[in-house]
Amino acid sequence: MLIKKPEVIKSSEITDQSVYLKRRQFIRDSGLLGVGLVGSMVGLPWMKRSWAEAPAGARFGELVSSPFSSDEKLTDYQDATGYNNFYEFGTDKRDPEKHAREFAPRPWSVVVDGACEKPGSYDLEDFLRPHALEERIYRLRCVEAWSMVIPWVGFPLGAALKRFQPTSKAKYVAFETLYDPERMPGQQRRVLEWPYREGLRMDEAMHPLTILAVGMYGAELPNQNGAPLRLVVPWKYGFKSIKSIVRISFTEEQPASTWNQLQPAEYGFYSNVNPQVDHPRWSQKKERRIGDWLKQETLMFNGYGDQVASLYRGMDLKKYF
């Protein structure tokens, strides 16, 4: 397997039964809320067909549609789960599907710390228990012209963060991926500084479009897509949506983020989808949807400007890219 040095990596390449039963009981107890971009998507004819492509096991029950969901055609399930950026399992886009098959995302816990009143280490089911699940369909675009439309199952990040009572010092939220080279063989190579880190400004983190996802296509998250818990920030480039989260920290200062640290001139902290700000090595004005031959115009904020543009009012988005 070819391992590339950091300076030549493209962002497009970044691209026991008792436990299972316990999770199913949690879902029944929680009640499921599924979520449909501007306008309802309940009853769209392609929804049932697309969900049928997901595995038969580990599926969620009925889900209510989100008001934020897109009415665009879904990406094929096999494409969404077989073409991924997850360097913890390899740098080629086909590596995660191959090398994450034996990864066991249970048991799992999430550490919450920093500027909050209720820090601690939480078992995943305890971390999730207070929240209803929401199924949201978002358009996700990554740097260098490829994108997908995925029906995520999750809940607003803000609902989780409020539980831990962040203090007035909490200006940002930092996230960290599991670091375990034995379970994540890609971490045995220093292609990135491990563990993978990301961060959001507090108002970004609290926005209802920002979700913690636990599933996709009506089923649990596949390992290669960030099981068991990942971030989804649909108006930002894909590398902001950190996978397999084990730590959430409230900070007063802007936290470190992996790609911004590695190549600060190429990957800004904010990383909002902005077709007017080119990557130093390629244009970002157009994108290619996975499964399509032709490119299409990249939309500001990935098409979510009506929802999120106010977060950046008065900011120079070419400087704070």
C-alpha atoms as a PDB file:
ATOM      1  CA  MET A   1       0.000   0.000   0.000  1.00  0.00           C
ATOM      2  CA  LEU A   2       1.318   3.394  -0.956  1.00  0.00           C
ATOM      3  CA  ILE A   3       1.497   5.834   1.970  1.00  0.00           C
ATOM      4  CA  LYS A   4       1.824   9.430   0.840  1.00  0.00           C
ATOM      5  CA  LYS A   5       3.736  12.100   2.652  1.00  0.00           C
ATOM      6  CA  PRO A   6       1.603  14.924   4.128  1.00  0.00           C
ATOM      7  CA  GLU A   7       2.829  17.499   1.669  1.00  0.00           C
ATOM      8  CA  VAL A   8       1.496  15.532  -1.292  1.00  0.00           C
ATOM      9  CA  ILE A   9      -1.845  14.460   0.154  1.00  0.00           C
ATOM     10  CA  LYS A  10      -4.884  15.968  -1.533  1.00  0.00           C
ATOM     11  CA  SER A  11      -7.914  16.864   0.532  1.00  0.00           C
ATOM     12  CA  SER A  12     -10.014  14.767  -1.838  1.00  0.00           C
ATOM     13  CA  GLU A  13      -8.087  11.733  -0.528  1.00  0.00           C
ATOM     14  CA  ILE A  14      -8.625  12.709   3.121  1.00  0.00           C
ATOM     15  CA  THR A  15     -12.231  12.238   1.531  1.00  0.00           C
ATOM     16  CA  ASP A  16     -21.661  -9.475  21.480  1.00  0.00           C
ATOM     17  CA  GLN A  17     -25.181  -9.606  20.915  1.00  0.00           C
ATOM     18  CA  SER A  18     -26.020  -8.221  24.383  1.00  0.00           C
ATOM     19  CA  VAL A  19     -24.560  -4.868  23.416  1.00  0.00           C
ATOM     20  CA  TYR A  20     -26.596  -4.842  20.207  1.00  0.00           C
ATOM     21  CA  LEU A  21     -29.809  -5.636  22.048  1.00  0.00           C
ATOM     22  CA  LYS A  22     -29.048  -2.906  24.566  1.00  0.00           C
ATOM     23  CA  ARG A  23     -28.780  -0.400  21.740  1.00  0.00           C
ATOM     24  CA  ARG A  24     -32.073  -1.534  20.242  1.00  0.00           C
ATOM     25  CA  GLN A  25     -33.760  -1.101  23.616  1.00  0.00           C
ATOM     26  CA  PHE A  26     -32.333   2.419  23.830  1.00  0.00           C
ATOM     27  CA  ILE A  27     -33.817   3.270  20.451  1.00  0.00           C
ATOM     28  CA  ARG A  28     -37.236   2.013  21.469  1.00  0.00           C
ATOM     29  CA  ASP A  29     -37.070   3.938  24.742  1.00  0.00           C
ATOM     30  CA  SER A  30     -35.923   7.156  23.105  1.00  0.00           C
ATOM     31  CA  GLY A  31     -38.531   7.412  20.412  1.00  0.00           C
ATOM     32  CA  LEU A  32     -37.227   8.169  16.940  1.00  0.00           C
ATOM     33  CA  LEU A  33     -37.403  11.525  15.307  1.00  0.00           C
ATOM     34  CA  GLY A  34     -36.418  11.499  11.706  1.00  0.00           C
ATOM     35  CA  VAL A  35     -35.615  14.667   9.829  1.00  0.00           C
ATOM     36  CA  GLY A  36     -36.862  16.458   5.754  1.00  0.00           C
ATOM     37  CA  LEU A  37     -33.420  21.224   3.291  1.00  0.00           C
ATOM     38  CA  VAL A  38     -36.152  23.603   2.989  1.00  0.00           C
ATOM     39  CA  GLY A  39     -39.441  21.763   2.496  1.00  0.00           C
ATOM     40  CA  SER A  40     -40.749  18.375   3.532  1.00  0.00           C
ATOM     41  CA  MET A  41     -39.514  15.150   1.987  1.00  0.00           C
ATOM     42  CA  VAL A  42     -42.050  12.806   3.528  1.00  0.00           C
ATOM     43  CA  GLY A  43     -43.361  10.337   0.982  1.00  0.00           C
ATOM     44  CA  LEU A  44     -40.795  10.985  -1.750  1.00  0.00           C
ATOM     45  CA  PRO A  45     -40.917   7.944  -4.050  1.00  0.00           C
ATOM     46  CA  TRP A  46     -37.173   7.285  -4.068  1.00  0.00           C
ATOM     47  CA  MET A  47     -36.775   7.159  -0.295  1.00  0.00           C
ATOM     48  CA  LYS A  48     -37.926   3.574   0.170  1.00  0.00           C
ATOM     49  CA  ARG A  49     -35.829   2.326  -2.740  1.00  0.00           C
ATOM     50  CA  SER A  50     -32.662   4.031  -1.502  1.00  0.00           C
ATOM     51  CA  TRP A  51     -33.058   2.805   2.056  1.00  0.00           C
ATOM     52  CA  ALA A  52     -33.521  -0.743   0.787  1.00  0.00           C
ATOM     53  CA  GLU A  53     -29.914  -0.621  -0.393  1.00  0.00           C
ATOM     54  CA  ALA A  54     -28.690  -0.474   3.214  1.00  0.00           C
ATOM     55  CA  PRO A  55     -27.987  -3.719   5.127  1.00  0.00           C
ATOM     56  CA  ALA A  56     -31.037  -5.498   6.530  1.00  0.00           C
ATOM     57  CA  GLY A  57     -29.620  -5.709  10.060  1.00  0.00           C
ATOM     58  CA  ALA A  58     -29.094  -3.025  12.678  1.00  0.00           C
ATOM     59  CA  ARG A  59     -31.818  -0.833  11.202  1.00  0.00           C
ATOM     60  CA  PHE A  60     -33.725   1.904  12.977  1.00  0.00           C
ATOM     61  CA  GLY A  61     -37.491   2.027  13.220  1.00  0.00           C
ATOM     62  CA  GLU A  62     -39.716   4.767  11.826  1.00  0.00           C
ATOM     63  CA  LEU A  63     -38.011   8.124  11.430  1.00  0.00           C
ATOM     64  CA  VAL A  64     -39.551  11.560  11.061  1.00  0.00           C
ATOM     65  CA  SER A  65     -38.226  13.805   8.308  1.00  0.00           C
ATOM     66  CA  SER A  66     -36.180  16.920   9.110  1.00  0.00           C
ATOM     67  CA  PRO A  67     -37.241  20.341   7.819  1.00  0.00           C
ATOM     68  CA  PHE A  68     -33.615  20.877   6.747  1.00  0.00           C
ATOM     69  CA  SER A  69     -33.373  17.858   4.459  1.00  0.00           C
ATOM     70  CA  SER A  70     -32.666  17.980   0.753  1.00  0.00           C
ATOM     71  CA  ASP A  71     -35.077  16.707  -1.878  1.00  0.00           C
ATOM     72  CA  GLU A  72     -32.182  15.731  -4.138  1.00  0.00           C
ATOM     73  CA  LYS A  73     -31.578  12.201  -5.342  1.00  0.00           C
ATOM     74  CA  LEU A  74     -29.679  10.119  -2.816  1.00  0.00           C
ATOM     75  CA  THR A  75     -26.192   8.875  -3.482  1.00  0.00           C
ATOM     76  CA  ASP A  76     -26.089   5.116  -4.048  1.00  0.00           C
ATOM     77  CA  TYR A  77     -25.464   3.340  -0.743  1.00  0.00           C
ATOM     78  CA  GLN A  78     -22.519   1.398  -2.119  1.00  0.00           C
ATOM     79  CA  ASP A  79     -20.862   4.617  -3.292  1.00  0.00           C
ATOM     80  CA  ALA A  80     -21.484   6.344   0.042  1.00  0.00           C
ATOM     81  CA  THR A  81     -19.949   3.476   1.996  1.00  0.00           C
ATOM     82  CA  GLY A  82     -17.231   2.428  -0.445  1.00  0.00           C
ATOM     83  CA  TYR A  83     -15.623   5.754  -1.356  1.00  0.00           C
ATOM     84  CA  ASN A  84     -14.471   7.467   1.825  1.00  0.00           C
ATOM     85  CA  ASN A  85     -11.838   9.670   3.383  1.00  0.00           C
ATOM     86  CA  PHE A  86     -10.852   8.105   6.698  1.00  0.00           C
ATOM     87  CA  TYR A  87      -7.067   8.118   6.977  1.00  0.00           C
ATOM     88  CA  GLU A  88      -7.190   6.075  10.172  1.00  0.00           C
ATOM     89  CA  PHE A  89      -7.865   3.127   7.853  1.00  0.00           C
ATOM     90  CA  GLY A  90      -5.732   4.188   4.884  1.00  0.00           C
ATOM     91  CA  THR A  91      -5.250   7.057   2.445  1.00  0.00           C
ATOM     92  CA  ASP A  92      -6.899   5.528  -0.621  1.00  0.00           C
ATOM     93  CA  LYS A  93     -10.652   6.114  -0.808  1.00  0.00           C
ATOM     94  CA  ARG A  94     -11.280   2.371  -1.014  1.00  0.00           C
ATOM     95  CA  ASP A  95      -9.111   1.603   2.030  1.00  0.00           C
ATOM     96  CA  PRO A  96     -11.637   2.405   4.772  1.00  0.00           C
ATOM     97  CA  GLU A  97     -14.173  -0.129   3.528  1.00  0.00           C
ATOM     98  CA  LYS A  98     -11.486  -2.822   3.337  1.00  0.00           C
ATOM     99  CA  HIS A  99      -9.543  -2.089   6.521  1.00  0.00           C
ATOM    100  CA  ALA A 100     -12.385  -1.133   8.865  1.00  0.00           C
ATOM    101  CA  ARG A 101     -14.297  -4.406   8.565  1.00  0.00           C
ATOM    102  CA  GLU A 102     -12.921  -5.847  11.814  1.00  0.00           C
ATOM    103  CA  PHE A 103     -13.162  -2.582  13.745  1.00  0.00           C
ATOM    104  CA  ALA A 104     -15.441  -2.997  16.798  1.00  0.00           C
ATOM    105  CA  PRO A 105     -17.248   0.252  17.691  1.00  0.00           C
ATOM    106  CA  ARG A 106     -18.571  -1.224  20.952  1.00  0.00           C
ATOM    107  CA  PRO A 107     -17.951  -0.727  23.804  1.00  0.00           C
ATOM    108  CA  TRP A 108     -17.500   3.014  23.334  1.00  0.00           C
ATOM    109  CA  SER A 109     -17.327   6.044  25.574  1.00  0.00           C
ATOM    110  CA  VAL A 110     -17.102   9.791  25.049  1.00  0.00           C
ATOM    111  CA  VAL A 111     -15.106  12.089  27.332  1.00  0.00           C
ATOM    112  CA  VAL A 112     -16.594  15.549  27.843  1.00  0.00           C
ATOM    113  CA  ASP A 113     -14.318  18.132  29.439  1.00  0.00           C
ATOM    114  CA  GLY A 114     -13.204  21.747  29.468  1.00  0.00           C
ATOM    115  CA  ALA A 115     -15.358  24.747  30.305  1.00  0.00           C
ATOM    116  CA  CYS A 116     -18.543  22.993  31.409  1.00  0.00           C
ATOM    117  CA  GLU A 117     -20.348  22.141  34.628  1.00  0.00           C
ATOM    118  CA  LYS A 118     -20.803  18.432  33.976  1.00  0.00           C
ATOM    119  CA  PRO A 119     -17.583  16.940  32.625  1.00  0.00           C
ATOM    120  CA  GLY A 120     -17.028  13.204  32.676  1.00  0.00           C
ATOM    121  CA  SER A 121     -16.603  10.001  30.710  1.00  0.00           C
ATOM    122  CA  TYR A 122     -19.917   8.770  29.333  1.00  0.00           C
ATOM    123  CA  ASP A 123     -20.767   5.343  27.993  1.00  0.00           C
ATOM    124  CA  LEU A 124     -22.130   5.792  24.481  1.00  0.00           C
ATOM    125  CA  GLU A 125     -25.653   4.671  25.385  1.00  0.00           C
ATOM    126  CA  ASP A 126     -25.679   7.068  28.357  1.00  0.00           C
ATOM    127  CA  PHE A 127     -24.361   9.839  26.129  1.00  0.00           C
ATOM    128  CA  LEU A 128     -27.135   9.235  23.602  1.00  0.00           C
ATOM    129  CA  ARG A 129     -30.010   8.324  25.903  1.00  0.00           C
ATOM    130  CA  PRO A 130     -31.525  11.805  26.465  1.00  0.00           C
ATOM    131  CA  HIS A 131     -31.812  12.498  22.757  1.00  0.00           C
ATOM    132  CA  ALA A 132     -34.404  11.510  20.215  1.00  0.00           C
ATOM    133  CA  LEU A 133     -32.846  10.501  16.915  1.00  0.00           C
ATOM    134  CA  GLU A 134     -33.390  12.535  13.786  1.00  0.00           C
ATOM    135  CA  GLU A 135     -32.994  11.313  10.231  1.00  0.00           C
ATOM    136  CA  ARG A 136     -31.654  14.156   8.134  1.00  0.00           C
ATOM    137  CA  ILE A 137     -30.822  14.187   4.436  1.00  0.00           C
ATOM    138  CA  TYR A 138     -28.042  16.637   3.621  1.00  0.00           C
ATOM    139  CA  ARG A 139     -25.945  17.482   0.613  1.00  0.00           C
ATOM    140  CA  LEU A 140     -22.364  16.872   1.646  1.00  0.00           C
ATOM    141  CA  ARG A 141     -19.580  18.274  -0.541  1.00  0.00           C
ATOM    142  CA  CYS A 142     -15.870  17.827  -0.079  1.00  0.00           C
ATOM    143  CA  VAL A 143     -12.963  19.828  -1.449  1.00  0.00           C
ATOM    144  CA  GLU A 144     -11.923  19.059  -5.031  1.00  0.00           C
ATOM    145  CA  ALA A 145     -15.229  18.606  -6.729  1.00  0.00           C
ATOM    146  CA  TRP A 146     -16.903  15.480  -5.398  1.00  0.00           C
ATOM    147  CA  SER A 147     -19.998  15.323  -3.262  1.00  0.00           C
ATOM    148  CA  MET A 148     -22.748  13.037  -1.990  1.00  0.00           C
ATOM    149  CA  VAL A 149     -26.334  13.241  -0.751  1.00  0.00           C
ATOM    150  CA  ILE A 150     -26.692  11.054   2.336  1.00  0.00           C
ATOM    151  CA  PRO A 151     -29.674  10.424   4.656  1.00  0.00           C
ATOM    152  CA  TRP A 152     -28.073  10.725   8.086  1.00  0.00           C
ATOM    153  CA  VAL A 153     -29.634   9.408  11.281  1.00  0.00           C
ATOM    154  CA  GLY A 154     -28.744  11.573  14.267  1.00  0.00           C
ATOM    155  CA  PHE A 155     -29.653  14.477  16.505  1.00  0.00           C
ATOM    156  CA  PRO A 156     -28.608  18.128  16.832  1.00  0.00           C
ATOM    157  CA  LEU A 157     -25.200  18.513  18.424  1.00  0.00           C
ATOM    158  CA  GLY A 158     -26.529  21.465  20.419  1.00  0.00           C
ATOM    159  CA  ALA A 159     -29.006  19.222  22.232  1.00  0.00           C
ATOM    160  CA  ALA A 160     -26.102  17.140  23.505  1.00  0.00           C
ATOM    161  CA  LEU A 161     -23.899  20.093  24.404  1.00  0.00           C
ATOM    162  CA  LYS A 162     -26.564  21.760  26.540  1.00  0.00           C
ATOM    163  CA  ARG A 163     -26.688  18.681  28.737  1.00  0.00           C
ATOM    164  CA  PHE A 164     -23.141  19.360  29.929  1.00  0.00           C
ATOM    165  CA  GLN A 165     -23.866  22.990  30.796  1.00  0.00           C
ATOM    166  CA  PRO A 166     -21.021  24.878  29.081  1.00  0.00           C
ATOM    167  CA  THR A 167     -19.860  27.950  30.977  1.00  0.00           C
ATOM    168  CA  SER A 168     -19.455  31.494  29.677  1.00  0.00           C
ATOM    169  CA  LYS A 169     -15.810  30.683  28.920  1.00  0.00           C
ATOM    170  CA  ALA A 170     -16.831  28.128  26.288  1.00  0.00           C
ATOM    171  CA  LYS A 171     -16.291  29.919  22.968  1.00  0.00           C
ATOM    172  CA  TYR A 172     -15.436  26.835  20.911  1.00  0.00           C
ATOM    173  CA  VAL A 173     -16.047  23.090  20.863  1.00  0.00           C
ATOM    174  CA  ALA A 174     -13.175  20.724  20.066  1.00  0.00           C
ATOM    175  CA  PHE A 175     -13.527  17.119  18.898  1.00  0.00           C
ATOM    176  CA  GLU A 176     -11.113  14.217  18.863  1.00  0.00           C
ATOM    177  CA  THR A 177     -11.139  10.867  17.045  1.00  0.00           C
ATOM    178  CA  LEU A 178     -10.157   7.584  18.671  1.00  0.00           C
ATOM    179  CA  TYR A 179      -6.411   6.949  18.653  1.00  0.00           C
ATOM    180  CA  ASP A 180      -5.763   3.197  18.609  1.00  0.00           C
ATOM    181  CA  PRO A 181      -3.227   2.062  15.972  1.00  0.00           C
ATOM    182  CA  GLU A 182      -4.023  -1.593  16.621  1.00  0.00           C
ATOM    183  CA  ARG A 183      -7.670  -1.082  15.708  1.00  0.00           C
ATOM    184  CA  MET A 184      -7.059   1.700  13.186  1.00  0.00           C
ATOM    185  CA  PRO A 185      -4.040   0.521  11.159  1.00  0.00           C
ATOM    186  CA  GLY A 186      -3.706   3.757   9.220  1.00  0.00           C
ATOM    187  CA  GLN A 187      -2.540   5.408  12.433  1.00  0.00           C
ATOM    188  CA  GLN A 188       0.586   3.274  12.324  1.00  0.00           C
ATOM    189  CA  ARG A 189       1.861   5.717   9.669  1.00  0.00           C
ATOM    190  CA  ARG A 190       2.514   9.392  10.333  1.00  0.00           C
ATOM    191  CA  VAL A 191       0.531  10.671   7.382  1.00  0.00           C
ATOM    192  CA  LEU A 192      -1.237  12.998   9.833  1.00  0.00           C
ATOM    193  CA  GLU A 193      -0.684  14.077  13.411  1.00  0.00           C
ATOM    194  CA  TRP A 194      -2.798  11.644  15.422  1.00  0.00           C
ATOM    195  CA  PRO A 195      -5.334  11.727  16.870  1.00  0.00           C
ATOM    196  CA  TYR A 196      -7.444  13.548  14.305  1.00  0.00           C
ATOM    197  CA  ARG A 197      -8.854  16.794  15.709  1.00  0.00           C
ATOM    198  CA  GLU A 198     -11.493  19.280  14.641  1.00  0.00           C
ATOM    199  CA  GLY A 199     -13.350  22.232  16.105  1.00  0.00           C
ATOM    200  CA  LEU A 200     -16.264  24.607  15.709  1.00  0.00           C
ATOM    201  CA  ARG A 201     -17.156  27.997  17.071  1.00  0.00           C
ATOM    202  CA  MET A 202     -19.847  27.664  19.739  1.00  0.00           C
ATOM    203  CA  ASP A 203     -22.598  29.247  17.641  1.00  0.00           C
ATOM    204  CA  GLU A 204     -21.756  26.879  14.765  1.00  0.00           C
ATOM    205  CA  ALA A 205     -21.894  23.912  17.113  1.00  0.00           C
ATOM    206  CA  MET A 206     -25.267  24.982  18.515  1.00  0.00           C
ATOM    207  CA  HIS A 207     -26.872  25.538  15.101  1.00  0.00           C
ATOM    208  CA  PRO A 208     -29.640  22.970  14.458  1.00  0.00           C
ATOM    209  CA  LEU A 209     -28.060  21.986  11.125  1.00  0.00           C
ATOM    210  CA  THR A 210     -25.016  20.617  12.978  1.00  0.00           C
ATOM    211  CA  ILE A 211     -25.718  17.040  13.981  1.00  0.00           C
ATOM    212  CA  LEU A 212     -24.131  14.077  15.676  1.00  0.00           C
ATOM    213  CA  ALA A 213     -24.848  11.119  13.413  1.00  0.00           C
ATOM    214  CA  VAL A 214     -25.253   7.527  14.585  1.00  0.00           C
ATOM    215  CA  GLY A 215     -26.555   6.104  11.324  1.00  0.00           C
ATOM    216  CA  MET A 216     -27.227   6.560   7.616  1.00  0.00           C
ATOM    217  CA  TYR A 217     -29.766   5.158   5.140  1.00  0.00           C
ATOM    218  CA  GLY A 218     -31.931   4.068   8.067  1.00  0.00           C
ATOM    219  CA  ALA A 219     -29.235   1.785   9.545  1.00  0.00           C
ATOM    220  CA  GLU A 220     -26.317   2.074  11.950  1.00  0.00           C
ATOM    221  CA  LEU A 221     -23.193   3.844  10.710  1.00  0.00           C
ATOM    222  CA  PRO A 222     -20.787   1.524   8.892  1.00  0.00           C
ATOM    223  CA  ASN A 223     -17.298   1.514  10.390  1.00  0.00           C
ATOM    224  CA  GLN A 224     -15.813   3.262   7.372  1.00  0.00           C
ATOM    225  CA  ASN A 225     -18.290   6.131   7.732  1.00  0.00           C
ATOM    226  CA  GLY A 226     -17.353   6.943  11.318  1.00  0.00           C
ATOM    227  CA  ALA A 227     -19.077   4.450  13.614  1.00  0.00           C
ATOM    228  CA  PRO A 228     -20.372   4.736  16.174  1.00  0.00           C
ATOM    229  CA  LEU A 229     -20.593   8.549  16.381  1.00  0.00           C
ATOM    230  CA  ARG A 230     -19.563  11.267  13.949  1.00  0.00           C
ATOM    231  CA  LEU A 231     -20.127  14.942  13.305  1.00  0.00           C
ATOM    232  CA  VAL A 232     -22.048  16.240  10.276  1.00  0.00           C
ATOM    233  CA  VAL A 233     -21.705  19.942   9.370  1.00  0.00           C
ATOM    234  CA  PRO A 234     -23.365  20.167   5.948  1.00  0.00           C
ATOM    235  CA  TRP A 235     -22.327  23.707   4.994  1.00  0.00           C
ATOM    236  CA  LYS A 236     -18.617  22.952   5.473  1.00  0.00           C
ATOM    237  CA  TYR A 237     -16.143  20.816   3.555  1.00  0.00           C
ATOM    238  CA  GLY A 238     -16.149  17.143   4.468  1.00  0.00           C
ATOM    239  CA  PHE A 239     -12.997  17.039   6.564  1.00  0.00           C
ATOM    240  CA  LYS A 240     -14.751  19.138   9.240  1.00  0.00           C
ATOM    241  CA  SER A 241     -17.156  16.257   9.886  1.00  0.00           C
ATOM    242  CA  ILE A 242     -14.899  14.295  12.222  1.00  0.00           C
ATOM    243  CA  LYS A 243     -15.532  10.551  12.648  1.00  0.00           C
ATOM    244  CA  SER A 244     -15.455   8.038  15.540  1.00  0.00           C
ATOM    245  CA  ILE A 245     -15.529  10.740  18.221  1.00  0.00           C
ATOM    246  CA  VAL A 246     -14.161   9.944  21.681  1.00  0.00           C
ATOM    247  CA  ARG A 247     -13.698  13.433  23.154  1.00  0.00           C
ATOM    248  CA  ILE A 248     -15.668  16.683  23.133  1.00  0.00           C
ATOM    249  CA  SER A 249     -14.036  19.673  24.826  1.00  0.00           C
ATOM    250  CA  PHE A 250     -15.316  23.171  25.537  1.00  0.00           C
ATOM    251  CA  THR A 251     -12.525  25.712  25.058  1.00  0.00           C
ATOM    252  CA  GLU A 252     -12.001  29.433  25.384  1.00  0.00           C
ATOM    253  CA  GLU A 253      -9.404  29.571  22.606  1.00  0.00           C
ATOM    254  CA  GLN A 254      -9.784  28.381  19.028  1.00  0.00           C
ATOM    255  CA  PRO A 255      -8.865  24.684  19.086  1.00  0.00           C
ATOM    256  CA  ALA A 256      -6.402  22.935  16.835  1.00  0.00           C
ATOM    257  CA  SER A 257      -7.781  21.187  13.760  1.00  0.00           C
ATOM    258  CA  THR A 258      -5.759  18.574  11.913  1.00  0.00           C
ATOM    259  CA  TRP A 259      -5.765  19.854   8.331  1.00  0.00           C
ATOM    260  CA  ASN A 260      -5.464  23.476   9.379  1.00  0.00           C
ATOM    261  CA  GLN A 261      -2.371  22.583  11.385  1.00  0.00           C
ATOM    262  CA  LEU A 262      -0.880  20.556   8.553  1.00  0.00           C
ATOM    263  CA  GLN A 263      -1.512  23.025   5.714  1.00  0.00           C
ATOM    264  CA  PRO A 264      -2.794  26.335   7.153  1.00  0.00           C
ATOM    265  CA  ALA A 265      -2.513  28.118   3.798  1.00  0.00           C
ATOM    266  CA  GLU A 266      -4.792  25.544   2.184  1.00  0.00           C
ATOM    267  CA  TYR A 267      -7.249  24.549   4.900  1.00  0.00           C
ATOM    268  CA  GLY A 268      -8.747  27.283   7.042  1.00  0.00           C
ATOM    269  CA  PHE A 269     -10.309  26.733  10.435  1.00  0.00           C
ATOM    270  CA  TYR A 270     -13.794  27.633   9.197  1.00  0.00           C
ATOM    271  CA  SER A 271     -13.717  25.642   5.950  1.00  0.00           C
ATOM    272  CA  ASN A 272     -17.120  26.866   4.801  1.00  0.00           C
ATOM    273  CA  VAL A 273     -18.121  25.847   1.280  1.00  0.00           C
ATOM    274  CA  ASN A 274     -17.289  29.013  -0.659  1.00  0.00           C
ATOM    275  CA  PRO A 275     -16.895  28.763  -4.453  1.00  0.00           C
ATOM    276  CA  GLN A 276     -15.240  32.201  -4.517  1.00  0.00           C
ATOM    277  CA  VAL A 277     -12.259  31.006  -2.462  1.00  0.00           C
ATOM    278  CA  ASP A 278     -10.087  28.670  -4.497  1.00  0.00           C
ATOM    279  CA  HIS A 279      -7.853  26.088  -2.962  1.00  0.00           C
ATOM    280  CA  PRO A 280      -4.282  27.124  -3.870  1.00  0.00           C
ATOM    281  CA  ARG A 281      -4.026  24.129  -6.201  1.00  0.00           C
ATOM    282  CA  TRP A 282      -7.504  23.936  -7.723  1.00  0.00           C
ATOM    283  CA  SER A 283     -10.742  25.799  -8.281  1.00  0.00           C
ATOM    284  CA  GLN A 284     -13.699  25.140  -6.005  1.00  0.00           C
ATOM    285  CA  LYS A 285     -16.287  26.762  -8.270  1.00  0.00           C
ATOM    286  CA  LYS A 286     -17.616  23.417  -9.485  1.00  0.00           C
ATOM    287  CA  GLU A 287     -18.133  19.981  -7.989  1.00  0.00           C
ATOM    288  CA  ARG A 288     -18.934  16.498  -9.234  1.00  0.00           C
ATOM    289  CA  ARG A 289     -21.616  14.459  -7.534  1.00  0.00           C
ATOM    290  CA  ILE A 290     -20.550  10.852  -6.998  1.00  0.00           C
ATOM    291  CA  GLY A 291     -22.237   8.764  -9.695  1.00  0.00           C
ATOM    292  CA  ASP A 292     -22.553  11.671 -12.150  1.00  0.00           C
ATOM    293  CA  TRP A 293     -20.285  12.478 -15.080  1.00  0.00           C
ATOM    294  CA  LEU A 294     -20.905  16.199 -15.319  1.00  0.00           C
ATOM    295  CA  LYS A 295     -19.881  18.855 -12.821  1.00  0.00           C
ATOM    296  CA  GLN A 296     -22.277  21.381 -11.361  1.00  0.00           C
ATOM    297  CA  GLU A 297     -21.902  24.814  -9.814  1.00  0.00           C
ATOM    298  CA  THR A 298     -20.797  24.812  -6.193  1.00  0.00           C
ATOM    299  CA  LEU A 299     -23.290  26.686  -4.017  1.00  0.00           C
ATOM    300  CA  MET A 300     -22.262  29.106  -1.286  1.00  0.00           C
ATOM    301  CA  PHE A 301     -22.493  27.401   2.103  1.00  0.00           C
ATOM    302  CA  ASN A 302     -23.371  24.242   0.165  1.00  0.00           C
ATOM    303  CA  GLY A 303     -26.829  25.659  -0.484  1.00  0.00           C
ATOM    304  CA  TYR A 304     -27.586  26.357   3.187  1.00  0.00           C
ATOM    305  CA  GLY A 305     -26.998  30.110   3.066  1.00  0.00           C
ATOM    306  CA  ASP A 306     -30.515  30.954   4.226  1.00  0.00           C
ATOM    307  CA  GLN A 307     -29.865  28.953   7.378  1.00  0.00           C
ATOM    308  CA  VAL A 308     -26.244  29.776   8.242  1.00  0.00           C
ATOM    309  CA  ALA A 309     -25.066  32.957   6.480  1.00  0.00           C
ATOM    310  CA  SER A 310     -26.008  35.052   9.527  1.00  0.00           C
ATOM    311  CA  LEU A 311     -23.343  33.220  11.543  1.00  0.00           C
ATOM    312  CA  TYR A 312     -20.682  35.004   9.482  1.00  0.00           C
ATOM    313  CA  ARG A 313     -22.201  38.441   9.064  1.00  0.00           C
ATOM    314  CA  GLY A 314     -19.429  41.045   8.937  1.00  0.00           C
ATOM    315  CA  MET A 315     -16.638  38.482   8.485  1.00  0.00           C
ATOM    316  CA  ASP A 316     -14.242  38.532   5.552  1.00  0.00           C
ATOM    317  CA  LEU A 317     -14.801  34.994   4.310  1.00  0.00           C
ATOM    318  CA  LYS A 318     -11.737  35.111   2.073  1.00  0.00           C
ATOM    319  CA  LYS A 319      -9.576  35.867   5.093  1.00  0.00           C
ATOM    320  CA  TYR A 320     -11.446  33.536   7.437  1.00  0.00           C
ATOM    321  CA  PHE A 321     -11.749  30.682   4.988  1.00  0.00           C
END
